[in-house]
Amino acid sequence: MTVGRAYGLADAALAEAMLTAHGIKVFPDIRYSHSMAWHLTHAFGGVELRVPVSLAGDALELLADFQAEPWPKAPGWRLSVTAVSLVVLVLLNTPLPASGFYASGLRRVTAPAAASPAKPT
């Protein structure tokens, strides 16, 4: 079951390490695709963290307290980081790597349904 999404590799690794340290086996979906094509992180929908159904409740309890460190309070620092990000985006035409972790409600992962064969006419 999917218990969370990470939009940065560091966030995914931290959440995976925390769950693994508590004895919960984690299956991070398409993590290696993100390491090679980080600019497509949002297009892929982030790295889904999946756990066995029997441990999903425990995983959600642990992830409820898992938060990334908040931005610094100083407005000058935030303004300078925003300005540098904008310059990098405009001059280099390259977005900065995404980040963030979002715990999700329980959602069962299912395989796509196979298409039924067409009836001969």
PDB file of N, CA and C in Angstrom:
ATOM      1  N   MET A   1       0.832  -1.171   0.000  1.00  0.00           N
ATOM      2  CA  MET A   1       0.000   0.000   0.000  1.00  0.00           C
ATOM      3  C   MET A   1       0.882   1.242   0.000  1.00  0.00           C
ATOM      4  N   THR A   2       0.447   2.257  -0.678  1.00  0.00           N
ATOM      5  CA  THR A   2       1.181   3.510  -0.726  1.00  0.00           C
ATOM      6  C   THR A   2       0.896   4.300   0.542  1.00  0.00           C
ATOM      7  N   VAL A   3       1.952   4.663   1.270  1.00  0.00           N
ATOM      8  CA  VAL A   3       1.772   5.419   2.514  1.00  0.00           C
ATOM      9  C   VAL A   3       2.321   6.832   2.419  1.00  0.00           C
ATOM     10  N   GLY A   4       3.011   7.160   1.345  1.00  0.00           N
ATOM     11  CA  GLY A   4       3.526   8.510   1.200  1.00  0.00           C
ATOM     12  C   GLY A   4       4.192   8.721  -0.138  1.00  0.00           C
ATOM     13  N   ARG A   5       4.404   9.997  -0.453  1.00  0.00           N
ATOM     14  CA  ARG A   5       5.096  10.393  -1.683  1.00  0.00           C
ATOM     15  C   ARG A   5       6.201  11.364  -1.320  1.00  0.00           C
ATOM     16  N   ALA A   6       7.348  11.166  -1.929  1.00  0.00           N
ATOM     17  CA  ALA A   6       8.474  12.081  -1.733  1.00  0.00           C
ATOM     18  C   ALA A   6       8.800  12.719  -3.076  1.00  0.00           C
ATOM     19  N   TYR A   7       9.004  14.019  -3.059  1.00  0.00           N
ATOM     20  CA  TYR A   7       9.330  14.729  -4.298  1.00  0.00           C
ATOM     21  C   TYR A   7      10.798  15.103  -4.370  1.00  0.00           C
ATOM     22  N   GLY A   8      11.609  14.538  -3.515  1.00  0.00           N
ATOM     23  CA  GLY A   8      13.049  14.710  -3.559  1.00  0.00           C
ATOM     24  C   GLY A   8      13.701  13.406  -3.140  1.00  0.00           C
ATOM     25  N   LEU A   9      14.856  13.110  -3.706  1.00  0.00           N
ATOM     26  CA  LEU A   9      15.517  11.845  -3.367  1.00  0.00           C
ATOM     27  C   LEU A   9      15.956  11.809  -1.907  1.00  0.00           C
ATOM     28  N   ALA A  10      16.368  12.960  -1.378  1.00  0.00           N
ATOM     29  CA  ALA A  10      16.770  12.999   0.030  1.00  0.00           C
ATOM     30  C   ALA A  10      15.568  12.721   0.936  1.00  0.00           C
ATOM     31  N   ASP A  11      14.425  13.300   0.610  1.00  0.00           N
ATOM     32  CA  ASP A  11      13.222  13.061   1.406  1.00  0.00           C
ATOM     33  C   ASP A  11      12.809  11.598   1.346  1.00  0.00           C
ATOM     34  N   ALA A  12      12.890  11.003   0.166  1.00  0.00           N
ATOM     35  CA  ALA A  12      12.539   9.589   0.012  1.00  0.00           C
ATOM     36  C   ALA A  12      13.499   8.706   0.810  1.00  0.00           C
ATOM     37  N   ALA A  13      14.778   9.021   0.760  1.00  0.00           N
ATOM     38  CA  ALA A  13      15.774   8.224   1.477  1.00  0.00           C
ATOM     39  C   ALA A  13      15.592   8.335   2.986  1.00  0.00           C
ATOM     40  N   LEU A  14      15.283   9.537   3.479  1.00  0.00           N
ATOM     41  CA  LEU A  14      15.071   9.716   4.920  1.00  0.00           C
ATOM     42  C   LEU A  14      13.841   8.951   5.401  1.00  0.00           C
ATOM     43  N   ALA A  15      12.756   9.041   4.654  1.00  0.00           N
ATOM     44  CA  ALA A  15      11.538   8.327   5.045  1.00  0.00           C
ATOM     45  C   ALA A  15      11.753   6.816   4.970  1.00  0.00           C
ATOM     46  N   GLU A  16      12.440   6.369   3.931  1.00  0.00           N
ATOM     47  CA  GLU A  16      12.724   4.937   3.794  1.00  0.00           C
ATOM     48  C   GLU A  16      13.606   4.440   4.935  1.00  0.00           C
ATOM     49  N   ALA A  17      14.621   5.212   5.286  1.00  0.00           N
ATOM     50  CA  ALA A  17      15.513   4.816   6.380  1.00  0.00           C
ATOM     51  C   ALA A  17      14.774   4.766   7.716  1.00  0.00           C
ATOM     52  N   MET A  18      13.889   5.730   7.945  1.00  0.00           N
ATOM     53  CA  MET A  18      13.135   5.746   9.198  1.00  0.00           C
ATOM     54  C   MET A  18      12.226   4.522   9.300  1.00  0.00           C
ATOM     55  N   LEU A  19      11.526   4.207   8.213  1.00  0.00           N
ATOM     56  CA  LEU A  19      10.639   3.045   8.237  1.00  0.00           C
ATOM     57  C   LEU A  19      11.421   1.744   8.359  1.00  0.00           C
ATOM     58  N   THR A  20      12.537   1.650   7.643  1.00  0.00           N
ATOM     59  CA  THR A  20      13.370   0.443   7.707  1.00  0.00           C
ATOM     60  C   THR A  20      13.950   0.258   9.100  1.00  0.00           C
ATOM     61  N   ALA A  21      14.327   1.353   9.768  1.00  0.00           N
ATOM     62  CA  ALA A  21      14.866   1.274  11.126  1.00  0.00           C
ATOM     63  C   ALA A  21      13.833   0.753  12.115  1.00  0.00           C
ATOM     64  N   HIS A  22      12.557   0.936  11.818  1.00  0.00           N
ATOM     65  CA  HIS A  22      11.484   0.437  12.676  1.00  0.00           C
ATOM     66  C   HIS A  22      10.978  -0.931  12.222  1.00  0.00           C
ATOM     67  N   GLY A  23      11.700  -1.573  11.316  1.00  0.00           N
ATOM     68  CA  GLY A  23      11.363  -2.931  10.893  1.00  0.00           C
ATOM     69  C   GLY A  23      10.284  -3.026   9.829  1.00  0.00           C
ATOM     70  N   ILE A  24      10.030  -1.928   9.125  1.00  0.00           N
ATOM     71  CA  ILE A  24       9.009  -1.939   8.080  1.00  0.00           C
ATOM     72  C   ILE A  24       9.709  -1.961   6.730  1.00  0.00           C
ATOM     73  N   LYS A  25       9.428  -2.983   5.940  1.00  0.00           N
ATOM     74  CA  LYS A  25      10.019  -3.111   4.607  1.00  0.00           C
ATOM     75  C   LYS A  25       9.370  -2.100   3.676  1.00  0.00           C
ATOM     76  N   VAL A  26      10.197  -1.314   2.991  1.00  0.00           N
ATOM     77  CA  VAL A  26       9.702  -0.249   2.112  1.00  0.00           C
ATOM     78  C   VAL A  26      10.092  -0.575   0.677  1.00  0.00           C
ATOM     79  N   PHE A  27       9.166  -0.307  -0.227  1.00  0.00           N
ATOM     80  CA  PHE A  27       9.400  -0.488  -1.647  1.00  0.00           C
ATOM     81  C   PHE A  27       9.240   0.867  -2.322  1.00  0.00           C
ATOM     82  N   PRO A  28      10.337   1.625  -2.497  1.00  0.00           N
ATOM     83  CA  PRO A  28      10.207   2.939  -3.147  1.00  0.00           C
ATOM     84  C   PRO A  28      10.034   2.776  -4.650  1.00  0.00           C
ATOM     85  N   ASP A  29       8.938   3.284  -5.154  1.00  0.00           N
ATOM     86  CA  ASP A  29       8.596   3.135  -6.569  1.00  0.00           C
ATOM     87  C   ASP A  29       9.393   4.120  -7.409  1.00  0.00           C
ATOM     88  N   ILE A  30       9.971   3.671  -8.467  1.00  0.00           N
ATOM     89  CA  ILE A  30      10.743   4.408  -9.490  1.00  0.00           C
ATOM     90  C   ILE A  30      11.746   5.414  -8.920  1.00  0.00           C
ATOM     91  N   ARG A  31      12.403   5.068  -7.832  1.00  0.00           N
ATOM     92  CA  ARG A  31      13.409   5.948  -7.239  1.00  0.00           C
ATOM     93  C   ARG A  31      14.578   6.162  -8.190  1.00  0.00           C
ATOM     94  N   TYR A  32      14.976   5.133  -8.894  1.00  0.00           N
ATOM     95  CA  TYR A  32      16.140   5.266  -9.765  1.00  0.00           C
ATOM     96  C   TYR A  32      15.833   6.096 -11.006  1.00  0.00           C
ATOM     97  N   SER A  33      14.596   6.110 -11.439  1.00  0.00           N
ATOM     98  CA  SER A  33      14.216   6.997 -12.542  1.00  0.00           C
ATOM     99  C   SER A  33      14.362   8.448 -12.120  1.00  0.00           C
ATOM    100  N   HIS A  34      14.043   8.736 -10.872  1.00  0.00           N
ATOM    101  CA  HIS A  34      14.170  10.104 -10.361  1.00  0.00           C
ATOM    102  C   HIS A  34      15.629  10.520 -10.256  1.00  0.00           C
ATOM    103  N   SER A  35      16.500   9.584  -9.951  1.00  0.00           N
ATOM    104  CA  SER A  35      17.911   9.956  -9.834  1.00  0.00           C
ATOM    105  C   SER A  35      18.520  10.291 -11.189  1.00  0.00           C
ATOM    106  N   MET A  36      17.964   9.734 -12.253  1.00  0.00           N
ATOM    107  CA  MET A  36      18.489  10.017 -13.584  1.00  0.00           C
ATOM    108  C   MET A  36      17.765  11.177 -14.270  1.00  0.00           C
ATOM    109  N   ALA A  37      16.488  11.362 -13.965  1.00  0.00           N
ATOM    110  CA  ALA A  37      15.688  12.415 -14.607  1.00  0.00           C
ATOM    111  C   ALA A  37      14.959  13.204 -13.522  1.00  0.00           C
ATOM    112  N   TRP A  38      15.728  13.879 -12.659  1.00  0.00           N
ATOM    113  CA  TRP A  38      15.137  14.590 -11.529  1.00  0.00           C
ATOM    114  C   TRP A  38      14.211  15.715 -11.955  1.00  0.00           C
ATOM    115  N   HIS A  39      14.410  16.237 -13.151  1.00  0.00           N
ATOM    116  CA  HIS A  39      13.559  17.330 -13.615  1.00  0.00           C
ATOM    117  C   HIS A  39      12.147  16.849 -13.967  1.00  0.00           C
ATOM    118  N   LEU A  40      11.941  15.548 -14.025  1.00  0.00           N
ATOM    119  CA  LEU A  40      10.622  14.989 -14.308  1.00  0.00           C
ATOM    120  C   LEU A  40       9.927  14.463 -13.049  1.00  0.00           C
ATOM    121  N   THR A  41      10.409  14.863 -11.881  1.00  0.00           N
ATOM    122  CA  THR A  41       9.875  14.350 -10.623  1.00  0.00           C
ATOM    123  C   THR A  41       8.375  14.564 -10.502  1.00  0.00           C
ATOM    124  N   HIS A  42       7.904  15.761 -10.800  1.00  0.00           N
ATOM    125  CA  HIS A  42       6.471  16.031 -10.678  1.00  0.00           C
ATOM    126  C   HIS A  42       5.679  15.291 -11.756  1.00  0.00           C
ATOM    127  N   ALA A  43       6.253  15.123 -12.928  1.00  0.00           N
ATOM    128  CA  ALA A  43       5.561  14.389 -13.990  1.00  0.00           C
ATOM    129  C   ALA A  43       5.364  12.927 -13.599  1.00  0.00           C
ATOM    130  N   PHE A  44       6.339  12.347 -12.893  1.00  0.00           N
ATOM    131  CA  PHE A  44       6.226  10.966 -12.430  1.00  0.00           C
ATOM    132  C   PHE A  44       5.306  10.847 -11.225  1.00  0.00           C
ATOM    133  N   GLY A  45       4.998  11.954 -10.576  1.00  0.00           N
ATOM    134  CA  GLY A  45       4.163  11.914  -9.379  1.00  0.00           C
ATOM    135  C   GLY A  45       4.946  11.649  -8.117  1.00  0.00           C
ATOM    136  N   GLY A  46       6.237  11.902  -8.142  1.00  0.00           N
ATOM    137  CA  GLY A  46       7.060  11.679  -6.957  1.00  0.00           C
ATOM    138  C   GLY A  46       7.412  10.213  -6.778  1.00  0.00           C
ATOM    139  N   VAL A  47       8.174   9.938  -5.745  1.00  0.00           N
ATOM    140  CA  VAL A  47       8.542   8.568  -5.399  1.00  0.00           C
ATOM    141  C   VAL A  47       7.495   8.053  -4.419  1.00  0.00           C
ATOM    142  N   GLU A  48       6.732   7.051  -4.821  1.00  0.00           N
ATOM    143  CA  GLU A  48       5.738   6.463  -3.928  1.00  0.00           C
ATOM    144  C   GLU A  48       6.448   5.504  -2.982  1.00  0.00           C
ATOM    145  N   LEU A  49       6.148   5.627  -1.698  1.00  0.00           N
ATOM    146  CA  LEU A  49       6.682   4.697  -0.712  1.00  0.00           C
ATOM    147  C   LEU A  49       5.599   3.676  -0.405  1.00  0.00           C
ATOM    148  N   ARG A  50       5.873   2.439  -0.753  1.00  0.00           N
ATOM    149  CA  ARG A  50       4.901   1.362  -0.577  1.00  0.00           C
ATOM    150  C   ARG A  50       5.389   0.407   0.496  1.00  0.00           C
ATOM    151  N   VAL A  51       4.453  -0.072   1.294  1.00  0.00           N
ATOM    152  CA  VAL A  51       4.757  -1.012   2.371  1.00  0.00           C
ATOM    153  C   VAL A  51       3.765  -2.164   2.297  1.00  0.00           C
ATOM    154  N   PRO A  52       4.080  -3.302   2.939  1.00  0.00           N
ATOM    155  CA  PRO A  52       3.112  -4.401   2.979  1.00  0.00           C
ATOM    156  C   PRO A  52       1.822  -3.962   3.684  1.00  0.00           C
ATOM    157  N   VAL A  53       0.710  -4.538   3.277  1.00  0.00           N
ATOM    158  CA  VAL A  53      -0.595  -4.160   3.829  1.00  0.00           C
ATOM    159  C   VAL A  53      -0.628  -4.355   5.341  1.00  0.00           C
ATOM    160  N   SER A  54      -0.007  -5.407   5.821  1.00  0.00           N
ATOM    161  CA  SER A  54      -0.048  -5.699   7.258  1.00  0.00           C
ATOM    162  C   SER A  54       0.682  -4.654   8.093  1.00  0.00           C
ATOM    163  N   LEU A  55       1.601  -3.901   7.496  1.00  0.00           N
ATOM    164  CA  LEU A  55       2.371  -2.897   8.243  1.00  0.00           C
ATOM    165  C   LEU A  55       1.984  -1.466   7.887  1.00  0.00           C
ATOM    166  N   ALA A  56       0.947  -1.293   7.085  1.00  0.00           N
ATOM    167  CA  ALA A  56       0.586   0.045   6.611  1.00  0.00           C
ATOM    168  C   ALA A  56       0.162   0.967   7.745  1.00  0.00           C
ATOM    169  N   GLY A  57      -0.593   0.471   8.710  1.00  0.00           N
ATOM    170  CA  GLY A  57      -1.020   1.303   9.843  1.00  0.00           C
ATOM    171  C   GLY A  57       0.158   1.809  10.652  1.00  0.00           C
ATOM    172  N   ASP A  58       1.120   0.925  10.936  1.00  0.00           N
ATOM    173  CA  ASP A  58       2.320   1.329  11.680  1.00  0.00           C
ATOM    174  C   ASP A  58       3.132   2.353  10.898  1.00  0.00           C
ATOM    175  N   ALA A  59       3.229   2.145   9.592  1.00  0.00           N
ATOM    176  CA  ALA A  59       3.992   3.076   8.750  1.00  0.00           C
ATOM    177  C   ALA A  59       3.353   4.459   8.754  1.00  0.00           C
ATOM    178  N   LEU A  60       2.027   4.521   8.673  1.00  0.00           N
ATOM    179  CA  LEU A  60       1.348   5.818   8.690  1.00  0.00           C
ATOM    180  C   LEU A  60       1.534   6.538  10.019  1.00  0.00           C
ATOM    181  N   GLU A  61       1.545   5.794  11.116  1.00  0.00           N
ATOM    182  CA  GLU A  61       1.787   6.416  12.429  1.00  0.00           C
ATOM    183  C   GLU A  61       3.180   7.034  12.493  1.00  0.00           C
ATOM    184  N   LEU A  62       4.168   6.320  11.969  1.00  0.00           N
ATOM    185  CA  LEU A  62       5.535   6.845  11.976  1.00  0.00           C
ATOM    186  C   LEU A  62       5.671   8.053  11.052  1.00  0.00           C
ATOM    187  N   LEU A  63       5.036   7.987   9.883  1.00  0.00           N
ATOM    188  CA  LEU A  63       5.167   9.068   8.914  1.00  0.00           C
ATOM    189  C   LEU A  63       4.364  10.302   9.283  1.00  0.00           C
ATOM    190  N   ALA A  64       3.417  10.167  10.214  1.00  0.00           N
ATOM    191  CA  ALA A  64       2.623  11.318  10.626  1.00  0.00           C
ATOM    192  C   ALA A  64       3.502  12.395  11.261  1.00  0.00           C
ATOM    193  N   ASP A  65       4.566  11.990  11.929  1.00  0.00           N
ATOM    194  CA  ASP A  65       5.466  12.949  12.577  1.00  0.00           C
ATOM    195  C   ASP A  65       6.654  13.321  11.716  1.00  0.00           C
ATOM    196  N   PHE A  66       6.778  12.691  10.549  1.00  0.00           N
ATOM    197  CA  PHE A  66       7.930  12.937   9.677  1.00  0.00           C
ATOM    198  C   PHE A  66       7.681  14.192   8.864  1.00  0.00           C
ATOM    199  N   GLN A  67       8.494  15.211   9.082  1.00  0.00           N
ATOM    200  CA  GLN A  67       8.357  16.479   8.365  1.00  0.00           C
ATOM    201  C   GLN A  67       9.744  16.961   7.988  1.00  0.00           C
ATOM    202  N   ALA A  68       9.817  17.585   6.838  1.00  0.00           N
ATOM    203  CA  ALA A  68      11.081  18.193   6.441  1.00  0.00           C
ATOM    204  C   ALA A  68      11.306  19.450   7.281  1.00  0.00           C
ATOM    205  N   GLU A  69      12.534  19.866   7.379  1.00  0.00           N
ATOM    206  CA  GLU A  69      12.843  21.062   8.149  1.00  0.00           C
ATOM    207  C   GLU A  69      12.229  22.278   7.463  1.00  0.00           C
ATOM    208  N   PRO A  70      11.543  23.140   8.221  1.00  0.00           N
ATOM    209  CA  PRO A  70      10.900  24.292   7.591  1.00  0.00           C
ATOM    210  C   PRO A  70      11.910  25.328   7.109  1.00  0.00           C
ATOM    211  N   TRP A  71      11.438  26.191   6.213  1.00  0.00           N
ATOM    212  CA  TRP A  71      12.277  27.274   5.717  1.00  0.00           C
ATOM    213  C   TRP A  71      12.690  28.172   6.873  1.00  0.00           C
ATOM    214  N   PRO A  72      13.859  28.806   6.760  1.00  0.00           N
ATOM    215  CA  PRO A  72      14.251  29.755   7.803  1.00  0.00           C
ATOM    216  C   PRO A  72      13.276  30.929   7.860  1.00  0.00           C
ATOM    217  N   LYS A  73      13.162  31.520   9.035  1.00  0.00           N
ATOM    218  CA  LYS A  73      12.192  32.595   9.239  1.00  0.00           C
ATOM    219  C   LYS A  73      12.648  33.927   8.649  1.00  0.00           C
ATOM    220  N   ALA A  74      13.949  34.126   8.472  1.00  0.00           N
ATOM    221  CA  ALA A  74      14.460  35.423   8.012  1.00  0.00           C
ATOM    222  C   ALA A  74      13.965  35.713   6.602  1.00  0.00           C
ATOM    223  N   PRO A  75      13.232  36.830   6.399  1.00  0.00           N
ATOM    224  CA  PRO A  75      12.712  37.129   5.067  1.00  0.00           C
ATOM    225  C   PRO A  75      13.811  37.439   4.057  1.00  0.00           C
ATOM    226  N   GLY A  76      14.931  37.983   4.481  1.00  0.00           N
ATOM    227  CA  GLY A  76      16.029  38.264   3.568  1.00  0.00           C
ATOM    228  C   GLY A  76      16.608  37.000   2.970  1.00  0.00           C
ATOM    229  N   TRP A  77      16.731  35.969   3.770  1.00  0.00           N
ATOM    230  CA  TRP A  77      17.263  34.685   3.302  1.00  0.00           C
ATOM    231  C   TRP A  77      16.315  34.066   2.275  1.00  0.00           C
ATOM    232  N   ARG A  78      15.043  34.064   2.568  1.00  0.00           N
ATOM    233  CA  ARG A  78      14.062  33.486   1.654  1.00  0.00           C
ATOM    234  C   ARG A  78      14.046  34.247   0.323  1.00  0.00           C
ATOM    235  N   LEU A  79      14.163  35.565   0.395  1.00  0.00           N
ATOM    236  CA  LEU A  79      14.174  36.386  -0.818  1.00  0.00           C
ATOM    237  C   LEU A  79      15.408  36.087  -1.664  1.00  0.00           C
ATOM    238  N   SER A  80      16.561  35.933  -1.019  1.00  0.00           N
ATOM    239  CA  SER A  80      17.781  35.655  -1.777  1.00  0.00           C
ATOM    240  C   SER A  80      17.739  34.265  -2.417  1.00  0.00           C
ATOM    241  N   VAL A  81      17.206  33.281  -1.714  1.00  0.00           N
ATOM    242  CA  VAL A  81      17.085  31.937  -2.278  1.00  0.00           C
ATOM    243  C   VAL A  81      16.132  31.952  -3.467  1.00  0.00           C
ATOM    244  N   THR A  82      15.041  32.690  -3.355  1.00  0.00           N
ATOM    245  CA  THR A  82      14.091  32.801  -4.454  1.00  0.00           C
ATOM    246  C   THR A  82      14.726  33.490  -5.658  1.00  0.00           C
ATOM    247  N   ALA A  83      15.501  34.535  -5.407  1.00  0.00           N
ATOM    248  CA  ALA A  83      16.148  35.257  -6.504  1.00  0.00           C
ATOM    249  C   ALA A  83      17.159  34.367  -7.222  1.00  0.00           C
ATOM    250  N   VAL A  84      17.965  33.633  -6.472  1.00  0.00           N
ATOM    251  CA  VAL A  84      18.950  32.731  -7.082  1.00  0.00           C
ATOM    252  C   VAL A  84      18.237  31.640  -7.882  1.00  0.00           C
ATOM    253  N   SER A  85      17.143  31.102  -7.339  1.00  0.00           N
ATOM    254  CA  SER A  85      16.380  30.073  -8.051  1.00  0.00           C
ATOM    255  C   SER A  85      15.835  30.606  -9.365  1.00  0.00           C
ATOM    256  N   LEU A  86      15.341  31.825  -9.344  1.00  0.00           N
ATOM    257  CA  LEU A  86      14.804  32.432 -10.553  1.00  0.00           C
ATOM    258  C   LEU A  86      15.890  32.667 -11.597  1.00  0.00           C
ATOM    259  N   VAL A  87      17.076  33.109 -11.154  1.00  0.00           N
ATOM    260  CA  VAL A  87      18.190  33.332 -12.076  1.00  0.00           C
ATOM    261  C   VAL A  87      18.626  32.017 -12.709  1.00  0.00           C
ATOM    262  N   VAL A  88      18.718  30.962 -11.907  1.00  0.00           N
ATOM    263  CA  VAL A  88      19.107  29.650 -12.433  1.00  0.00           C
ATOM    264  C   VAL A  88      18.073  29.170 -13.448  1.00  0.00           C
ATOM    265  N   LEU A  89      16.797  29.354 -13.138  1.00  0.00           N
ATOM    266  CA  LEU A  89      15.747  28.916 -14.043  1.00  0.00           C
ATOM    267  C   LEU A  89      15.785  29.691 -15.358  1.00  0.00           C
ATOM    268  N   VAL A  90      15.961  31.003 -15.292  1.00  0.00           N
ATOM    269  CA  VAL A  90      15.919  31.832 -16.502  1.00  0.00           C
ATOM    270  C   VAL A  90      17.189  31.691 -17.324  1.00  0.00           C
ATOM    271  N   LEU A  91      18.345  31.788 -16.682  1.00  0.00           N
ATOM    272  CA  LEU A  91      19.601  31.771 -17.429  1.00  0.00           C
ATOM    273  C   LEU A  91      19.991  30.379 -17.915  1.00  0.00           C
ATOM    274  N   LEU A  92      19.810  29.394 -17.092  1.00  0.00           N
ATOM    275  CA  LEU A  92      20.227  28.042 -17.459  1.00  0.00           C
ATOM    276  C   LEU A  92      19.081  27.194 -18.004  1.00  0.00           C
ATOM    277  N   ASN A  93      17.864  27.721 -17.906  1.00  0.00           N
ATOM    278  CA  ASN A  93      16.685  26.998 -18.363  1.00  0.00           C
ATOM    279  C   ASN A  93      16.603  25.618 -17.707  1.00  0.00           C
ATOM    280  N   THR A  94      16.939  25.583 -16.436  1.00  0.00           N
ATOM    281  CA  THR A  94      16.957  24.338 -15.683  1.00  0.00           C
ATOM    282  C   THR A  94      16.239  24.543 -14.355  1.00  0.00           C
ATOM    283  N   PRO A  95      15.205  23.779 -14.080  1.00  0.00           N
ATOM    284  CA  PRO A  95      14.535  23.919 -12.779  1.00  0.00           C
ATOM    285  C   PRO A  95      15.385  23.321 -11.669  1.00  0.00           C
ATOM    286  N   LEU A  96      15.215  23.834 -10.474  1.00  0.00           N
ATOM    287  CA  LEU A  96      15.912  23.274  -9.323  1.00  0.00           C
ATOM    288  C   LEU A  96      15.256  21.953  -8.933  1.00  0.00           C
ATOM    289  N   PRO A  97      16.006  21.065  -8.307  1.00  0.00           N
ATOM    290  CA  PRO A  97      15.424  19.781  -7.913  1.00  0.00           C
ATOM    291  C   PRO A  97      14.243  19.965  -6.967  1.00  0.00           C
ATOM    292  N   ALA A  98      13.239  19.135  -7.125  1.00  0.00           N
ATOM    293  CA  ALA A  98      12.059  19.190  -6.270  1.00  0.00           C
ATOM    294  C   ALA A  98      12.378  18.584  -4.913  1.00  0.00           C
ATOM    295  N   SER A  99      11.579  18.937  -3.925  1.00  0.00           N
ATOM    296  CA  SER A  99      11.737  18.341  -2.607  1.00  0.00           C
ATOM    297  C   SER A  99      10.393  18.375  -1.901  1.00  0.00           C
ATOM    298  N   GLY A 100      10.294  17.622  -0.831  1.00  0.00           N
ATOM    299  CA  GLY A 100       9.080  17.575  -0.040  1.00  0.00           C
ATOM    300  C   GLY A 100       8.595  16.151   0.137  1.00  0.00           C
ATOM    301  N   PHE A 101       7.921  15.912   1.255  1.00  0.00           N
ATOM    302  CA  PHE A 101       7.363  14.596   1.543  1.00  0.00           C
ATOM    303  C   PHE A 101       5.928  14.779   1.993  1.00  0.00           C
ATOM    304  N   TYR A 102       5.046  13.947   1.490  1.00  0.00           N
ATOM    305  CA  TYR A 102       3.642  14.031   1.840  1.00  0.00           C
ATOM    306  C   TYR A 102       3.133  12.650   2.207  1.00  0.00           C
ATOM    307  N   ALA A 103       2.701  12.488   3.450  1.00  0.00           N
ATOM    308  CA  ALA A 103       2.097  11.229   3.860  1.00  0.00           C
ATOM    309  C   ALA A 103       0.707  11.163   3.257  1.00  0.00           C
ATOM    310  N   SER A 104       0.335  10.008   2.790  1.00  0.00           N
ATOM    311  CA  SER A 104      -0.982   9.870   2.164  1.00  0.00           C
ATOM    312  C   SER A 104      -1.819   8.902   2.967  1.00  0.00           C
ATOM    313  N   GLY A 105      -3.108   8.940   2.730  1.00  0.00           N
ATOM    314  CA  GLY A 105      -3.990   7.958   3.339  1.00  0.00           C
ATOM    315  C   GLY A 105      -3.732   6.601   2.722  1.00  0.00           C
ATOM    316  N   LEU A 106      -4.288   5.592   3.302  1.00  0.00           N
ATOM    317  CA  LEU A 106      -4.082   4.252   2.772  1.00  0.00           C
ATOM    318  C   LEU A 106      -4.731   4.138   1.405  1.00  0.00           C
ATOM    319  N   ARG A 107      -3.946   3.666   0.471  1.00  0.00           N
ATOM    320  CA  ARG A 107      -4.436   3.475  -0.890  1.00  0.00           C
ATOM    321  C   ARG A 107      -3.828   2.193  -1.421  1.00  0.00           C
ATOM    322  N   ARG A 108      -4.672   1.251  -1.743  1.00  0.00           N
ATOM    323  CA  ARG A 108      -4.189  -0.046  -2.225  1.00  0.00           C
ATOM    324  C   ARG A 108      -3.653   0.097  -3.641  1.00  0.00           C
ATOM    325  N   VAL A 109      -2.483  -0.494  -3.890  1.00  0.00           N
ATOM    326  CA  VAL A 109      -1.873  -0.465  -5.216  1.00  0.00           C
ATOM    327  C   VAL A 109      -2.359  -1.682  -5.978  1.00  0.00           C
ATOM    328  N   THR A 110      -2.953  -1.458  -7.127  1.00  0.00           N
ATOM    329  CA  THR A 110      -3.460  -2.564  -7.926  1.00  0.00           C
ATOM    330  C   THR A 110      -2.828  -2.527  -9.300  1.00  0.00           C
ATOM    331  N   ALA A 111      -2.718  -3.681  -9.885  1.00  0.00           N
ATOM    332  CA  ALA A 111      -2.189  -3.772 -11.249  1.00  0.00           C
ATOM    333  C   ALA A 111      -3.273  -3.329 -12.221  1.00  0.00           C
ATOM    334  N   PRO A 112      -2.891  -2.739 -13.349  1.00  0.00           N
ATOM    335  CA  PRO A 112      -3.892  -2.340 -14.326  1.00  0.00           C
ATOM    336  C   PRO A 112      -4.636  -3.548 -14.868  1.00  0.00           C
ATOM    337  N   ALA A 113      -5.917  -3.364 -15.109  1.00  0.00           N
ATOM    338  CA  ALA A 113      -6.732  -4.457 -15.618  1.00  0.00           C
ATOM    339  C   ALA A 113      -6.327  -4.784 -17.045  1.00  0.00           C
ATOM    340  N   ALA A 114      -6.285  -6.057 -17.345  1.00  0.00           N
ATOM    341  CA  ALA A 114      -5.943  -6.481 -18.712  1.00  0.00           C
ATOM    342  C   ALA A 114      -7.127  -6.207 -19.621  1.00  0.00           C
ATOM    343  N   ALA A 115      -6.823  -5.789 -20.808  1.00  0.00           N
ATOM    344  CA  ALA A 115      -7.883  -5.508 -21.779  1.00  0.00           C
ATOM    345  C   ALA A 115      -8.526  -6.827 -22.211  1.00  0.00           C
ATOM    346  N   SER A 116      -9.839  -6.818 -22.289  1.00  0.00           N
ATOM    347  CA  SER A 116     -10.531  -8.031 -22.717  1.00  0.00           C
ATOM    348  C   SER A 116     -10.404  -8.164 -24.236  1.00  0.00           C
ATOM    349  N   PRO A 117     -10.241  -9.376 -24.702  1.00  0.00           N
ATOM    350  CA  PRO A 117     -10.094  -9.564 -26.142  1.00  0.00           C
ATOM    351  C   PRO A 117     -11.385  -9.169 -26.867  1.00  0.00           C
ATOM    352  N   ALA A 118     -11.217  -8.607 -28.032  1.00  0.00           N
ATOM    353  CA  ALA A 118     -12.376  -8.194 -28.817  1.00  0.00           C
ATOM    354  C   ALA A 118     -13.080  -9.410 -29.378  1.00  0.00           C
ATOM    355  N   LYS A 119     -14.410  -9.335 -29.397  1.00  0.00           N
ATOM    356  CA  LYS A 119     -15.190 -10.442 -29.922  1.00  0.00           C
ATOM    357  C   LYS A 119     -15.182 -10.380 -31.443  1.00  0.00           C
ATOM    358  N   PRO A 120     -14.955 -11.502 -32.084  1.00  0.00           N
ATOM    359  CA  PRO A 120     -14.980 -11.493 -33.562  1.00  0.00           C
ATOM    360  C   PRO A 120     -16.406 -11.254 -34.060  1.00  0.00           C
ATOM    361  N   THR A 121     -16.530 -10.492 -35.101  1.00  0.00           N
ATOM    362  CA  THR A 121     -17.862 -10.204 -35.653  1.00  0.00           C
ATOM    363  C   THR A 121     -18.070 -10.909 -36.970  1.00  0.00           C
TER     364      THR A 121
END
